[in-house]
Amino acid sequence: MKDRTIASLKIAKGQWPAIQRETRVSYSWLCKLAQGQFADASSDKIERVYRALVRRGLAEPQVDFSDCA
């Protein structure tokens, strides 16, 4: 998910201020994530950013088959 989030975040650069407000993640954190400066970024923050990107149509939803058994 991290790689998808970074790729989509780079495409959405003009929308970072809105994504920052929606996710409550700092703008500088978004910049650092997009630049790949985090070897082990918080999965919670990445998920919040990813979900915001999906809501904006900037990332494909990740398919989850965990409840299909």
PDB file of N, CA and C in Angstrom:
ATOM      1  N   MET A   1       0.819  -1.190   0.000  1.00  0.00           N
ATOM      2  CA  MET A   1       0.000   0.000   0.000  1.00  0.00           C
ATOM      3  C   MET A   1       0.869   1.262   0.000  1.00  0.00           C
ATOM      4  N   LYS A   2       2.027   1.174   0.636  1.00  0.00           N
ATOM      5  CA  LYS A   2       2.894   2.351   0.727  1.00  0.00           C
ATOM      6  C   LYS A   2       3.312   2.830  -0.665  1.00  0.00           C
ATOM      7  N   ASP A   3       3.713   1.912  -1.533  1.00  0.00           N
ATOM      8  CA  ASP A   3       4.152   2.295  -2.871  1.00  0.00           C
ATOM      9  C   ASP A   3       3.019   2.899  -3.688  1.00  0.00           C
ATOM     10  N   ARG A   4       1.831   2.314  -3.578  1.00  0.00           N
ATOM     11  CA  ARG A   4       0.659   2.869  -4.279  1.00  0.00           C
ATOM     12  C   ARG A   4       0.338   4.267  -3.766  1.00  0.00           C
ATOM     13  N   THR A   5       0.421   4.430  -2.472  1.00  0.00           N
ATOM     14  CA  THR A   5       0.123   5.730  -1.867  1.00  0.00           C
ATOM     15  C   THR A   5       1.118   6.777  -2.352  1.00  0.00           C
ATOM     16  N   ILE A   6       2.396   6.436  -2.371  1.00  0.00           N
ATOM     17  CA  ILE A   6       3.420   7.381  -2.812  1.00  0.00           C
ATOM     18  C   ILE A   6       3.205   7.762  -4.275  1.00  0.00           C
ATOM     19  N   ALA A   7       2.951   6.770  -5.126  1.00  0.00           N
ATOM     20  CA  ALA A   7       2.747   7.045  -6.550  1.00  0.00           C
ATOM     21  C   ALA A   7       1.538   7.955  -6.761  1.00  0.00           C
ATOM     22  N   SER A   8       0.451   7.680  -6.073  1.00  0.00           N
ATOM     23  CA  SER A   8      -0.757   8.501  -6.204  1.00  0.00           C
ATOM     24  C   SER A   8      -0.563   9.876  -5.598  1.00  0.00           C
ATOM     25  N   LEU A   9       0.179   9.951  -4.516  1.00  0.00           N
ATOM     26  CA  LEU A   9       0.434  11.229  -3.858  1.00  0.00           C
ATOM     27  C   LEU A   9       1.232  12.160  -4.766  1.00  0.00           C
ATOM     28  N   LYS A  10       2.180  11.608  -5.494  1.00  0.00           N
ATOM     29  CA  LYS A  10       2.965  12.420  -6.434  1.00  0.00           C
ATOM     30  C   LYS A  10       2.072  13.011  -7.517  1.00  0.00           C
ATOM     31  N   ILE A  11       1.114  12.238  -7.991  1.00  0.00           N
ATOM     32  CA  ILE A  11       0.181  12.713  -9.016  1.00  0.00           C
ATOM     33  C   ILE A  11      -0.725  13.811  -8.454  1.00  0.00           C
ATOM     34  N   ALA A  12      -1.050  13.713  -7.181  1.00  0.00           N
ATOM     35  CA  ALA A  12      -2.004  14.618  -6.530  1.00  0.00           C
ATOM     36  C   ALA A  12      -1.344  15.821  -5.876  1.00  0.00           C
ATOM     37  N   LYS A  13      -0.139  16.165  -6.263  1.00  0.00           N
ATOM     38  CA  LYS A  13       0.625  17.192  -5.554  1.00  0.00           C
ATOM     39  C   LYS A  13      -0.158  18.491  -5.326  1.00  0.00           C
ATOM     40  N   GLY A  14      -0.918  18.943  -6.276  1.00  0.00           N
ATOM     41  CA  GLY A  14      -1.692  20.180  -6.109  1.00  0.00           C
ATOM     42  C   GLY A  14      -2.793  20.079  -5.072  1.00  0.00           C
ATOM     43  N   GLN A  15      -3.116  18.876  -4.681  1.00  0.00           N
ATOM     44  CA  GLN A  15      -4.194  18.657  -3.713  1.00  0.00           C
ATOM     45  C   GLN A  15      -3.687  18.349  -2.310  1.00  0.00           C
ATOM     46  N   TRP A  16      -2.391  18.422  -2.118  1.00  0.00           N
ATOM     47  CA  TRP A  16      -1.822  18.108  -0.808  1.00  0.00           C
ATOM     48  C   TRP A  16      -2.397  18.937   0.335  1.00  0.00           C
ATOM     49  N   PRO A  17      -2.624  20.248   0.156  1.00  0.00           N
ATOM     50  CA  PRO A  17      -3.191  20.992   1.294  1.00  0.00           C
ATOM     51  C   PRO A  17      -4.556  20.440   1.733  1.00  0.00           C
ATOM     52  N   ALA A  18      -5.396  20.081   0.772  1.00  0.00           N
ATOM     53  CA  ALA A  18      -6.711  19.531   1.112  1.00  0.00           C
ATOM     54  C   ALA A  18      -6.564  18.144   1.733  1.00  0.00           C
ATOM     55  N   ILE A  19      -5.654  17.333   1.195  1.00  0.00           N
ATOM     56  CA  ILE A  19      -5.412  16.001   1.748  1.00  0.00           C
ATOM     57  C   ILE A  19      -4.871  16.121   3.163  1.00  0.00           C
ATOM     58  N   GLN A  20      -4.009  17.079   3.362  1.00  0.00           N
ATOM     59  CA  GLN A  20      -3.438  17.314   4.703  1.00  0.00           C
ATOM     60  C   GLN A  20      -4.534  17.661   5.714  1.00  0.00           C
ATOM     61  N   ARG A  21      -5.452  18.527   5.314  1.00  0.00           N
ATOM     62  CA  ARG A  21      -6.547  18.903   6.223  1.00  0.00           C
ATOM     63  C   ARG A  21      -7.471  17.719   6.494  1.00  0.00           C
ATOM     64  N   GLU A  22      -7.779  16.965   5.448  1.00  0.00           N
ATOM     65  CA  GLU A  22      -8.698  15.838   5.582  1.00  0.00           C
ATOM     66  C   GLU A  22      -8.123  14.715   6.449  1.00  0.00           C
ATOM     67  N   THR A  23      -6.843  14.461   6.331  1.00  0.00           N
ATOM     68  CA  THR A  23      -6.219  13.333   7.023  1.00  0.00           C
ATOM     69  C   THR A  23      -5.573  13.712   8.350  1.00  0.00           C
ATOM     70  N   ARG A  24      -5.429  15.012   8.589  1.00  0.00           N
ATOM     71  CA  ARG A  24      -4.741  15.517   9.785  1.00  0.00           C
ATOM     72  C   ARG A  24      -3.301  15.013   9.866  1.00  0.00           C
ATOM     73  N   VAL A  25      -2.672  14.936   8.693  1.00  0.00           N
ATOM     74  CA  VAL A  25      -1.259  14.592   8.574  1.00  0.00           C
ATOM     75  C   VAL A  25      -0.558  15.866   8.123  1.00  0.00           C
ATOM     76  N   SER A  26       0.572  16.186   8.683  1.00  0.00           N
ATOM     77  CA  SER A  26       1.226  17.450   8.346  1.00  0.00           C
ATOM     78  C   SER A  26       1.675  17.486   6.883  1.00  0.00           C
ATOM     79  N   TYR A  27       1.702  18.680   6.346  1.00  0.00           N
ATOM     80  CA  TYR A  27       2.139  18.876   4.964  1.00  0.00           C
ATOM     81  C   TYR A  27       3.579  18.404   4.796  1.00  0.00           C
ATOM     82  N   SER A  28       4.418  18.670   5.770  1.00  0.00           N
ATOM     83  CA  SER A  28       5.818  18.237   5.667  1.00  0.00           C
ATOM     84  C   SER A  28       5.914  16.715   5.679  1.00  0.00           C
ATOM     85  N   TRP A  29       5.026  16.036   6.399  1.00  0.00           N
ATOM     86  CA  TRP A  29       5.028  14.574   6.394  1.00  0.00           C
ATOM     87  C   TRP A  29       4.653  14.057   5.015  1.00  0.00           C
ATOM     88  N   LEU A  30       3.646  14.694   4.381  1.00  0.00           N
ATOM     89  CA  LEU A  30       3.264  14.295   3.021  1.00  0.00           C
ATOM     90  C   LEU A  30       4.444  14.467   2.062  1.00  0.00           C
ATOM     91  N   CYS A  31       5.161  15.581   2.189  1.00  0.00           N
ATOM     92  CA  CYS A  31       6.334  15.828   1.335  1.00  0.00           C
ATOM     93  C   CYS A  31       7.381  14.738   1.534  1.00  0.00           C
ATOM     94  N   LYS A  32       7.662  14.425   2.776  1.00  0.00           N
ATOM     95  CA  LYS A  32       8.675  13.405   3.074  1.00  0.00           C
ATOM     96  C   LYS A  32       8.240  12.034   2.586  1.00  0.00           C
ATOM     97  N   LEU A  33       6.967  11.702   2.728  1.00  0.00           N
ATOM     98  CA  LEU A  33       6.469  10.421   2.239  1.00  0.00           C
ATOM     99  C   LEU A  33       6.633  10.343   0.722  1.00  0.00           C
ATOM    100  N   ALA A  34       6.229  11.393   0.018  1.00  0.00           N
ATOM    101  CA  ALA A  34       6.322  11.406  -1.442  1.00  0.00           C
ATOM    102  C   ALA A  34       7.769  11.294  -1.914  1.00  0.00           C
ATOM    103  N   GLN A  35       8.694  11.786  -1.119  1.00  0.00           N
ATOM    104  CA  GLN A  35      10.113  11.719  -1.474  1.00  0.00           C
ATOM    105  C   GLN A  35      10.754  10.400  -1.042  1.00  0.00           C
ATOM    106  N   GLY A  36       9.978   9.545  -0.377  1.00  0.00           N
ATOM    107  CA  GLY A  36      10.490   8.249   0.048  1.00  0.00           C
ATOM    108  C   GLY A  36      11.462   8.327   1.209  1.00  0.00           C
ATOM    109  N   GLN A  37      11.330   9.340   2.054  1.00  0.00           N
ATOM    110  CA  GLN A  37      12.259   9.537   3.162  1.00  0.00           C
ATOM    111  C   GLN A  37      11.972   8.644   4.371  1.00  0.00           C
ATOM    112  N   PHE A  38      10.848   7.940   4.355  1.00  0.00           N
ATOM    113  CA  PHE A  38      10.503   7.080   5.487  1.00  0.00           C
ATOM    114  C   PHE A  38      10.737   5.622   5.121  1.00  0.00           C
ATOM    115  N   ALA A  39      11.627   4.981   5.823  1.00  0.00           N
ATOM    116  CA  ALA A  39      11.832   3.551   5.595  1.00  0.00           C
ATOM    117  C   ALA A  39      10.692   2.758   6.232  1.00  0.00           C
ATOM    118  N   ASP A  40      10.163   3.277   7.354  1.00  0.00           N
ATOM    119  CA  ASP A  40       9.125   2.571   8.092  1.00  0.00           C
ATOM    120  C   ASP A  40       8.075   3.580   8.558  1.00  0.00           C
ATOM    121  N   ALA A  41       7.323   4.134   7.611  1.00  0.00           N
ATOM    122  CA  ALA A  41       6.319   5.144   7.935  1.00  0.00           C
ATOM    123  C   ALA A  41       5.141   4.511   8.677  1.00  0.00           C
ATOM    124  N   SER A  42       4.461   5.310   9.449  1.00  0.00           N
ATOM    125  CA  SER A  42       3.297   4.861  10.207  1.00  0.00           C
ATOM    126  C   SER A  42       2.218   4.328   9.267  1.00  0.00           C
ATOM    127  N   SER A  43       1.811   3.081   9.484  1.00  0.00           N
ATOM    128  CA  SER A  43       0.790   2.483   8.621  1.00  0.00           C
ATOM    129  C   SER A  43      -0.548   3.195   8.768  1.00  0.00           C
ATOM    130  N   ASP A  44      -0.823   3.726   9.951  1.00  0.00           N
ATOM    131  CA  ASP A  44      -2.065   4.466  10.175  1.00  0.00           C
ATOM    132  C   ASP A  44      -2.106   5.713   9.297  1.00  0.00           C
ATOM    133  N   LYS A  45      -1.025   6.465   9.258  1.00  0.00           N
ATOM    134  CA  LYS A  45      -0.982   7.675   8.433  1.00  0.00           C
ATOM    135  C   LYS A  45      -1.055   7.333   6.950  1.00  0.00           C
ATOM    136  N   ILE A  46      -0.338   6.300   6.540  1.00  0.00           N
ATOM    137  CA  ILE A  46      -0.369   5.899   5.133  1.00  0.00           C
ATOM    138  C   ILE A  46      -1.786   5.493   4.735  1.00  0.00           C
ATOM    139  N   GLU A  47      -2.455   4.762   5.597  1.00  0.00           N
ATOM    140  CA  GLU A  47      -3.827   4.348   5.300  1.00  0.00           C
ATOM    141  C   GLU A  47      -4.761   5.544   5.186  1.00  0.00           C
ATOM    142  N   ARG A  48      -4.626   6.519   6.087  1.00  0.00           N
ATOM    143  CA  ARG A  48      -5.478   7.712   6.017  1.00  0.00           C
ATOM    144  C   ARG A  48      -5.261   8.459   4.708  1.00  0.00           C
ATOM    145  N   VAL A  49      -3.993   8.604   4.304  1.00  0.00           N
ATOM    146  CA  VAL A  49      -3.683   9.301   3.051  1.00  0.00           C
ATOM    147  C   VAL A  49      -4.210   8.491   1.872  1.00  0.00           C
ATOM    148  N   TYR A  50      -4.003   7.190   1.896  1.00  0.00           N
ATOM    149  CA  TYR A  50      -4.469   6.327   0.811  1.00  0.00           C
ATOM    150  C   TYR A  50      -5.986   6.430   0.650  1.00  0.00           C
ATOM    151  N   ARG A  51      -6.705   6.367   1.747  1.00  0.00           N
ATOM    152  CA  ARG A  51      -8.172   6.456   1.690  1.00  0.00           C
ATOM    153  C   ARG A  51      -8.624   7.813   1.140  1.00  0.00           C
ATOM    154  N   ALA A  52      -7.937   8.871   1.508  1.00  0.00           N
ATOM    155  CA  ALA A  52      -8.269  10.201   0.972  1.00  0.00           C
ATOM    156  C   ALA A  52      -8.026  10.243  -0.537  1.00  0.00           C
ATOM    157  N   LEU A  53      -6.946   9.633  -0.983  1.00  0.00           N
ATOM    158  CA  LEU A  53      -6.642   9.588  -2.415  1.00  0.00           C
ATOM    159  C   LEU A  53      -7.693   8.765  -3.166  1.00  0.00           C
ATOM    160  N   VAL A  54      -8.139   7.665  -2.578  1.00  0.00           N
ATOM    161  CA  VAL A  54      -9.181   6.843  -3.202  1.00  0.00           C
ATOM    162  C   VAL A  54     -10.473   7.641  -3.315  1.00  0.00           C
ATOM    163  N   ARG A  55     -10.847   8.345  -2.254  1.00  0.00           N
ATOM    164  CA  ARG A  55     -12.078   9.157  -2.272  1.00  0.00           C
ATOM    165  C   ARG A  55     -12.033  10.216  -3.364  1.00  0.00           C
ATOM    166  N   ARG A  56     -10.843  10.686  -3.685  1.00  0.00           N
ATOM    167  CA  ARG A  56     -10.690  11.703  -4.720  1.00  0.00           C
ATOM    168  C   ARG A  56     -10.519  11.098  -6.114  1.00  0.00           C
ATOM    169  N   GLY A  57     -10.537   9.781  -6.195  1.00  0.00           N
ATOM    170  CA  GLY A  57     -10.361   9.112  -7.473  1.00  0.00           C
ATOM    171  C   GLY A  57      -8.931   9.120  -7.979  1.00  0.00           C
ATOM    172  N   LEU A  58      -7.974   9.326  -7.067  1.00  0.00           N
ATOM    173  CA  LEU A  58      -6.562   9.414  -7.440  1.00  0.00           C
ATOM    174  C   LEU A  58      -5.792   8.131  -7.166  1.00  0.00           C
ATOM    175  N   ALA A  59      -6.468   7.162  -6.586  1.00  0.00           N
ATOM    176  CA  ALA A  59      -5.860   5.850  -6.327  1.00  0.00           C
ATOM    177  C   ALA A  59      -6.959   4.808  -6.467  1.00  0.00           C
ATOM    178  N   GLU A  60      -6.574   3.647  -6.945  1.00  0.00           N
ATOM    179  CA  GLU A  60      -7.524   2.545  -7.070  1.00  0.00           C
ATOM    180  C   GLU A  60      -7.746   1.929  -5.695  1.00  0.00           C
ATOM    181  N   PRO A  61      -8.995   1.622  -5.373  1.00  0.00           N
ATOM    182  CA  PRO A  61      -9.244   0.966  -4.091  1.00  0.00           C
ATOM    183  C   PRO A  61      -8.531  -0.380  -4.047  1.00  0.00           C
ATOM    184  N   GLN A  62      -7.999  -0.687  -2.911  1.00  0.00           N
ATOM    185  CA  GLN A  62      -7.318  -1.967  -2.717  1.00  0.00           C
ATOM    186  C   GLN A  62      -8.381  -3.016  -2.408  1.00  0.00           C
ATOM    187  N   VAL A  63      -8.326  -4.115  -3.105  1.00  0.00           N
ATOM    188  CA  VAL A  63      -9.301  -5.184  -2.887  1.00  0.00           C
ATOM    189  C   VAL A  63      -8.917  -5.961  -1.638  1.00  0.00           C
ATOM    190  N   ASP A  64      -9.909  -6.187  -0.804  1.00  0.00           N
ATOM    191  CA  ASP A  64      -9.684  -6.910   0.449  1.00  0.00           C
ATOM    192  C   ASP A  64     -10.549  -8.164   0.451  1.00  0.00           C
ATOM    193  N   PHE A  65      -9.925  -9.310   0.425  1.00  0.00           N
ATOM    194  CA  PHE A  65     -10.646 -10.571   0.440  1.00  0.00           C
ATOM    195  C   PHE A  65     -10.610 -11.241   1.816  1.00  0.00           C
ATOM    196  N   SER A  66     -10.286 -10.495   2.836  1.00  0.00           N
ATOM    197  CA  SER A  66     -10.120 -11.084   4.162  1.00  0.00           C
ATOM    198  C   SER A  66     -11.399 -11.695   4.723  1.00  0.00           C
ATOM    199  N   ASP A  67     -12.568 -11.206   4.290  1.00  0.00           N
ATOM    200  CA  ASP A  67     -13.816 -11.751   4.823  1.00  0.00           C
ATOM    201  C   ASP A  67     -14.416 -12.834   3.927  1.00  0.00           C
ATOM    202  N   CYS A  68     -13.702 -13.253   2.899  1.00  0.00           N
ATOM    203  CA  CYS A  68     -14.164 -14.297   1.976  1.00  0.00           C
ATOM    204  C   CYS A  68     -13.469 -15.622   2.321  1.00  0.00           C
ATOM    205  N   ALA A  69     -14.129 -16.391   3.116  1.00  0.00           N
ATOM    206  CA  ALA A  69     -13.513 -17.679   3.486  1.00  0.00           C
ATOM    207  C   ALA A  69     -14.433 -18.826   3.220  1.00  0.00           C
TER     208      ALA A  69
END
